[in-house]
Amino acid sequence: MSELPPVTPDLTRFVAIRLAGTDVKKWKQMDKGARDEHLAKARRLLKAERRFFERGQAKEEVVN
């Protein structure tokens, strides 16, 4: 399995903008509270994604 990219502020922002269903221009116009909510969701999503893949890799190592 390929490595996941590191969680960086740029990646978190990219995911947050997609979760918000908007583009960069509208993202910048969004109030700070709304942006912060989407950023928090993006961080939780990326963290859950990594845990999911880590568990999958651990299971593969046990089987092999």
PDB file of N, CA and C in Angstrom:
ATOM      1  N   MET A   1       0.843  -1.183   0.000  1.00  0.00           N
ATOM      2  CA  MET A   1       0.000   0.000   0.000  1.00  0.00           C
ATOM      3  C   MET A   1       0.884   1.241   0.000  1.00  0.00           C
ATOM      4  N   SER A   2       0.465   2.267  -0.684  1.00  0.00           N
ATOM      5  CA  SER A   2       1.258   3.483  -0.752  1.00  0.00           C
ATOM      6  C   SER A   2       1.107   4.286   0.537  1.00  0.00           C
ATOM      7  N   GLU A   3       2.087   5.095   0.791  1.00  0.00           N
ATOM      8  CA  GLU A   3       2.087   5.945   1.971  1.00  0.00           C
ATOM      9  C   GLU A   3       1.091   7.090   1.783  1.00  0.00           C
ATOM     10  N   LEU A   4       0.431   7.442   2.862  1.00  0.00           N
ATOM     11  CA  LEU A   4      -0.438   8.612   2.833  1.00  0.00           C
ATOM     12  C   LEU A   4       0.429   9.857   2.990  1.00  0.00           C
ATOM     13  N   PRO A   5       0.027  10.962   2.379  1.00  0.00           N
ATOM     14  CA  PRO A   5       0.823  12.181   2.544  1.00  0.00           C
ATOM     15  C   PRO A   5       0.721  12.667   3.988  1.00  0.00           C
ATOM     16  N   PRO A   6       1.723  13.387   4.467  1.00  0.00           N
ATOM     17  CA  PRO A   6       1.648  13.903   5.834  1.00  0.00           C
ATOM     18  C   PRO A   6       0.517  14.921   5.956  1.00  0.00           C
ATOM     19  N   VAL A   7      -0.049  14.998   7.145  1.00  0.00           N
ATOM     20  CA  VAL A   7      -1.116  15.970   7.388  1.00  0.00           C
ATOM     21  C   VAL A   7      -0.452  17.328   7.613  1.00  0.00           C
ATOM     22  N   THR A   8      -0.635  18.200   6.667  1.00  0.00           N
ATOM     23  CA  THR A   8      -0.073  19.545   6.735  1.00  0.00           C
ATOM     24  C   THR A   8      -1.223  20.541   6.790  1.00  0.00           C
ATOM     25  N   PRO A   9      -0.949  21.777   7.192  1.00  0.00           N
ATOM     26  CA  PRO A   9      -2.005  22.789   7.157  1.00  0.00           C
ATOM     27  C   PRO A   9      -2.606  22.953   5.756  1.00  0.00           C
ATOM     28  N   ASP A  10      -1.773  22.844   4.720  1.00  0.00           N
ATOM     29  CA  ASP A  10      -2.283  22.972   3.343  1.00  0.00           C
ATOM     30  C   ASP A  10      -3.249  21.841   3.000  1.00  0.00           C
ATOM     31  N   LEU A  11      -2.903  20.613   3.387  1.00  0.00           N
ATOM     32  CA  LEU A  11      -3.790  19.478   3.124  1.00  0.00           C
ATOM     33  C   LEU A  11      -5.090  19.628   3.907  1.00  0.00           C
ATOM     34  N   THR A  12      -4.981  20.028   5.164  1.00  0.00           N
ATOM     35  CA  THR A  12      -6.172  20.216   5.996  1.00  0.00           C
ATOM     36  C   THR A  12      -7.086  21.271   5.383  1.00  0.00           C
ATOM     37  N   ARG A  13      -6.506  22.373   4.929  1.00  0.00           N
ATOM     38  CA  ARG A  13      -7.294  23.437   4.304  1.00  0.00           C
ATOM     39  C   ARG A  13      -7.936  22.945   3.010  1.00  0.00           C
ATOM     40  N   PHE A  14      -7.197  22.190   2.205  1.00  0.00           N
ATOM     41  CA  PHE A  14      -7.725  21.634   0.954  1.00  0.00           C
ATOM     42  C   PHE A  14      -8.951  20.767   1.238  1.00  0.00           C
ATOM     43  N   VAL A  15      -8.839  19.879   2.223  1.00  0.00           N
ATOM     44  CA  VAL A  15      -9.954  18.995   2.577  1.00  0.00           C
ATOM     45  C   VAL A  15     -11.119  19.814   3.129  1.00  0.00           C
ATOM     46  N   ALA A  16     -10.830  20.808   3.956  1.00  0.00           N
ATOM     47  CA  ALA A  16     -11.886  21.635   4.543  1.00  0.00           C
ATOM     48  C   ALA A  16     -12.675  22.379   3.470  1.00  0.00           C
ATOM     49  N   ILE A  17     -11.986  22.895   2.480  1.00  0.00           N
ATOM     50  CA  ILE A  17     -12.663  23.615   1.392  1.00  0.00           C
ATOM     51  C   ILE A  17     -13.579  22.666   0.630  1.00  0.00           C
ATOM     52  N   ARG A  18     -13.117  21.434   0.394  1.00  0.00           N
ATOM     53  CA  ARG A  18     -13.952  20.446  -0.303  1.00  0.00           C
ATOM     54  C   ARG A  18     -15.146  20.043   0.560  1.00  0.00           C
ATOM     55  N   LEU A  19     -14.937  19.890   1.866  1.00  0.00           N
ATOM     56  CA  LEU A  19     -16.048  19.551   2.762  1.00  0.00           C
ATOM     57  C   LEU A  19     -17.093  20.663   2.786  1.00  0.00           C
ATOM     58  N   ALA A  20     -16.625  21.899   2.688  1.00  0.00           N
ATOM     59  CA  ALA A  20     -17.540  23.039   2.687  1.00  0.00           C
ATOM     60  C   ALA A  20     -18.300  23.141   1.369  1.00  0.00           C
ATOM     61  N   GLY A  21     -17.814  22.449   0.336  1.00  0.00           N
ATOM     62  CA  GLY A  21     -18.478  22.488  -0.964  1.00  0.00           C
ATOM     63  C   GLY A  21     -18.333  23.838  -1.640  1.00  0.00           C
ATOM     64  N   THR A  22     -17.184  24.442  -1.487  1.00  0.00           N
ATOM     65  CA  THR A  22     -16.979  25.774  -2.022  1.00  0.00           C
ATOM     66  C   THR A  22     -15.647  25.849  -2.762  1.00  0.00           C
ATOM     67  N   ASP A  23     -15.317  27.022  -3.252  1.00  0.00           N
ATOM     68  CA  ASP A  23     -14.017  27.225  -3.885  1.00  0.00           C
ATOM     69  C   ASP A  23     -13.185  28.158  -3.001  1.00  0.00           C
ATOM     70  N   VAL A  24     -11.949  28.382  -3.394  1.00  0.00           N
ATOM     71  CA  VAL A  24     -11.024  29.156  -2.569  1.00  0.00           C
ATOM     72  C   VAL A  24     -11.519  30.587  -2.369  1.00  0.00           C
ATOM     73  N   LYS A  25     -12.056  31.189  -3.412  1.00  0.00           N
ATOM     74  CA  LYS A  25     -12.525  32.579  -3.311  1.00  0.00           C
ATOM     75  C   LYS A  25     -13.643  32.692  -2.274  1.00  0.00           C
ATOM     76  N   LYS A  26     -14.623  31.799  -2.351  1.00  0.00           N
ATOM     77  CA  LYS A  26     -15.724  31.832  -1.382  1.00  0.00           C
ATOM     78  C   LYS A  26     -15.233  31.445   0.011  1.00  0.00           C
ATOM     79  N   TRP A  27     -14.237  30.549   0.074  1.00  0.00           N
ATOM     80  CA  TRP A  27     -13.658  30.138   1.360  1.00  0.00           C
ATOM     81  C   TRP A  27     -13.076  31.353   2.086  1.00  0.00           C
ATOM     82  N   LYS A  28     -12.363  32.183   1.339  1.00  0.00           N
ATOM     83  CA  LYS A  28     -11.740  33.364   1.941  1.00  0.00           C
ATOM     84  C   LYS A  28     -12.784  34.377   2.403  1.00  0.00           C
ATOM     85  N   GLN A  29     -13.956  34.370   1.772  1.00  0.00           N
ATOM     86  CA  GLN A  29     -15.021  35.291   2.156  1.00  0.00           C
ATOM     87  C   GLN A  29     -15.843  34.771   3.332  1.00  0.00           C
ATOM     88  N   MET A  30     -15.722  33.490   3.627  1.00  0.00           N
ATOM     89  CA  MET A  30     -16.476  32.857   4.705  1.00  0.00           C
ATOM     90  C   MET A  30     -16.005  33.420   6.051  1.00  0.00           C
ATOM     91  N   ASP A  31     -16.937  33.534   7.015  1.00  0.00           N
ATOM     92  CA  ASP A  31     -16.522  34.049   8.318  1.00  0.00           C
ATOM     93  C   ASP A  31     -15.626  33.029   9.028  1.00  0.00           C
ATOM     94  N   LYS A  32     -14.799  33.530   9.937  1.00  0.00           N
ATOM     95  CA  LYS A  32     -13.782  32.709  10.591  1.00  0.00           C
ATOM     96  C   LYS A  32     -14.391  31.535  11.346  1.00  0.00           C
ATOM     97  N   GLY A  33     -15.519  31.735  11.992  1.00  0.00           N
ATOM     98  CA  GLY A  33     -16.162  30.653  12.741  1.00  0.00           C
ATOM     99  C   GLY A  33     -16.546  29.480  11.852  1.00  0.00           C
ATOM    100  N   ALA A  34     -17.096  29.778  10.694  1.00  0.00           N
ATOM    101  CA  ALA A  34     -17.486  28.718   9.754  1.00  0.00           C
ATOM    102  C   ALA A  34     -16.255  28.003   9.211  1.00  0.00           C
ATOM    103  N   ARG A  35     -15.216  28.772   8.893  1.00  0.00           N
ATOM    104  CA  ARG A  35     -13.976  28.142   8.414  1.00  0.00           C
ATOM    105  C   ARG A  35     -13.388  27.229   9.477  1.00  0.00           C
ATOM    106  N   ASP A  36     -13.379  27.700  10.726  1.00  0.00           N
ATOM    107  CA  ASP A  36     -12.825  26.892  11.819  1.00  0.00           C
ATOM    108  C   ASP A  36     -13.583  25.580  11.988  1.00  0.00           C
ATOM    109  N   GLU A  37     -14.906  25.612  11.828  1.00  0.00           N
ATOM    110  CA  GLU A  37     -15.707  24.384  11.931  1.00  0.00           C
ATOM    111  C   GLU A  37     -15.306  23.384  10.844  1.00  0.00           C
ATOM    112  N   HIS A  38     -15.156  23.873   9.625  1.00  0.00           N
ATOM    113  CA  HIS A  38     -14.770  22.988   8.518  1.00  0.00           C
ATOM    114  C   HIS A  38     -13.340  22.476   8.688  1.00  0.00           C
ATOM    115  N   LEU A  39     -12.455  23.309   9.207  1.00  0.00           N
ATOM    116  CA  LEU A  39     -11.081  22.863   9.458  1.00  0.00           C
ATOM    117  C   LEU A  39     -11.052  21.767  10.522  1.00  0.00           C
ATOM    118  N   ALA A  40     -11.874  21.915  11.558  1.00  0.00           N
ATOM    119  CA  ALA A  40     -11.939  20.889  12.606  1.00  0.00           C
ATOM    120  C   ALA A  40     -12.465  19.573  12.030  1.00  0.00           C
ATOM    121  N   LYS A  41     -13.482  19.651  11.175  1.00  0.00           N
ATOM    122  CA  LYS A  41     -14.008  18.442  10.522  1.00  0.00           C
ATOM    123  C   LYS A  41     -12.936  17.786   9.663  1.00  0.00           C
ATOM    124  N   ALA A  42     -12.182  18.597   8.943  1.00  0.00           N
ATOM    125  CA  ALA A  42     -11.128  18.067   8.072  1.00  0.00           C
ATOM    126  C   ALA A  42     -10.052  17.366   8.898  1.00  0.00           C
ATOM    127  N   ARG A  43      -9.660  17.963  10.028  1.00  0.00           N
ATOM    128  CA  ARG A  43      -8.654  17.324  10.885  1.00  0.00           C
ATOM    129  C   ARG A  43      -9.158  15.988  11.409  1.00  0.00           C
ATOM    130  N   ARG A  44     -10.428  15.938  11.845  1.00  0.00           N
ATOM    131  CA  ARG A  44     -11.000  14.675  12.338  1.00  0.00           C
ATOM    132  C   ARG A  44     -11.054  13.635  11.223  1.00  0.00           C
ATOM    133  N   LEU A  45     -11.435  14.049  10.036  1.00  0.00           N
ATOM    134  CA  LEU A  45     -11.514  13.136   8.898  1.00  0.00           C
ATOM    135  C   LEU A  45     -10.142  12.561   8.551  1.00  0.00           C
ATOM    136  N   LEU A  46      -9.143  13.420   8.472  1.00  0.00           N
ATOM    137  CA  LEU A  46      -7.796  12.958   8.134  1.00  0.00           C
ATOM    138  C   LEU A  46      -7.239  12.039   9.224  1.00  0.00           C
ATOM    139  N   LYS A  47      -7.531  12.351  10.472  1.00  0.00           N
ATOM    140  CA  LYS A  47      -7.072  11.507  11.581  1.00  0.00           C
ATOM    141  C   LYS A  47      -7.745  10.136  11.514  1.00  0.00           C
ATOM    142  N   ALA A  48      -9.044  10.118  11.255  1.00  0.00           N
ATOM    143  CA  ALA A  48      -9.782   8.853  11.150  1.00  0.00           C
ATOM    144  C   ALA A  48      -9.276   8.032   9.965  1.00  0.00           C
ATOM    145  N   GLU A  49      -8.983   8.697   8.864  1.00  0.00           N
ATOM    146  CA  GLU A  49      -8.472   8.006   7.682  1.00  0.00           C
ATOM    147  C   GLU A  49      -7.152   7.305   7.997  1.00  0.00           C
ATOM    148  N   ARG A  50      -6.274   7.994   8.685  1.00  0.00           N
ATOM    149  CA  ARG A  50      -4.987   7.398   9.027  1.00  0.00           C
ATOM    150  C   ARG A  50      -5.133   6.236   9.993  1.00  0.00           C
ATOM    151  N   ARG A  51      -6.009   6.374  10.981  1.00  0.00           N
ATOM    152  CA  ARG A  51      -6.252   5.263  11.917  1.00  0.00           C
ATOM    153  C   ARG A  51      -6.799   4.055  11.169  1.00  0.00           C
ATOM    154  N   PHE A  52      -7.710   4.273  10.233  1.00  0.00           N
ATOM    155  CA  PHE A  52      -8.294   3.193   9.445  1.00  0.00           C
ATOM    156  C   PHE A  52      -7.207   2.435   8.686  1.00  0.00           C
ATOM    157  N   PHE A  53      -6.336   3.160   8.002  1.00  0.00           N
ATOM    158  CA  PHE A  53      -5.290   2.507   7.222  1.00  0.00           C
ATOM    159  C   PHE A  53      -4.234   1.864   8.114  1.00  0.00           C
ATOM    160  N   GLU A  54      -3.942   2.465   9.268  1.00  0.00           N
ATOM    161  CA  GLU A  54      -2.987   1.857  10.203  1.00  0.00           C
ATOM    162  C   GLU A  54      -3.523   0.525  10.712  1.00  0.00           C
ATOM    163  N   ARG A  55      -4.807   0.466  11.040  1.00  0.00           N
ATOM    164  CA  ARG A  55      -5.413  -0.789  11.495  1.00  0.00           C
ATOM    165  C   ARG A  55      -5.366  -1.826  10.385  1.00  0.00           C
ATOM    166  N   GLY A  56      -5.618  -1.415   9.167  1.00  0.00           N
ATOM    167  CA  GLY A  56      -5.567  -2.338   8.037  1.00  0.00           C
ATOM    168  C   GLY A  56      -4.175  -2.897   7.832  1.00  0.00           C
ATOM    169  N   GLN A  57      -3.164  -2.059   7.966  1.00  0.00           N
ATOM    170  CA  GLN A  57      -1.788  -2.524   7.812  1.00  0.00           C
ATOM    171  C   GLN A  57      -1.414  -3.462   8.948  1.00  0.00           C
ATOM    172  N   ALA A  58      -1.874  -3.164  10.164  1.00  0.00           N
ATOM    173  CA  ALA A  58      -1.571  -4.027  11.305  1.00  0.00           C
ATOM    174  C   ALA A  58      -2.199  -5.401  11.099  1.00  0.00           C
ATOM    175  N   LYS A  59      -3.419  -5.446  10.565  1.00  0.00           N
ATOM    176  CA  LYS A  59      -4.085  -6.725  10.303  1.00  0.00           C
ATOM    177  C   LYS A  59      -3.336  -7.513   9.239  1.00  0.00           C
ATOM    178  N   GLU A  60      -2.845  -6.828   8.208  1.00  0.00           N
ATOM    179  CA  GLU A  60      -2.096  -7.506   7.146  1.00  0.00           C
ATOM    180  C   GLU A  60      -0.808  -8.104   7.692  1.00  0.00           C
ATOM    181  N   GLU A  61      -0.144  -7.401   8.612  1.00  0.00           N
ATOM    182  CA  GLU A  61       1.105  -7.899   9.186  1.00  0.00           C
ATOM    183  C   GLU A  61       0.853  -9.138  10.036  1.00  0.00           C
ATOM    184  N   VAL A  62      -0.271  -9.173  10.752  1.00  0.00           N
ATOM    185  CA  VAL A  62      -0.604 -10.324  11.588  1.00  0.00           C
ATOM    186  C   VAL A  62      -0.890 -11.533  10.711  1.00  0.00           C
ATOM    187  N   VAL A  63      -1.589 -11.335   9.606  1.00  0.00           N
ATOM    188  CA  VAL A  63      -1.942 -12.427   8.703  1.00  0.00           C
ATOM    189  C   VAL A  63      -0.695 -12.981   8.031  1.00  0.00           C
ATOM    190  N   ASN A  64       0.201 -12.110   7.624  1.00  0.00           N
ATOM    191  CA  ASN A  64       1.415 -12.554   6.926  1.00  0.00           C
ATOM    192  C   ASN A  64       2.342 -13.089   7.950  1.00  0.00           C
TER     193      ASN A  64
END
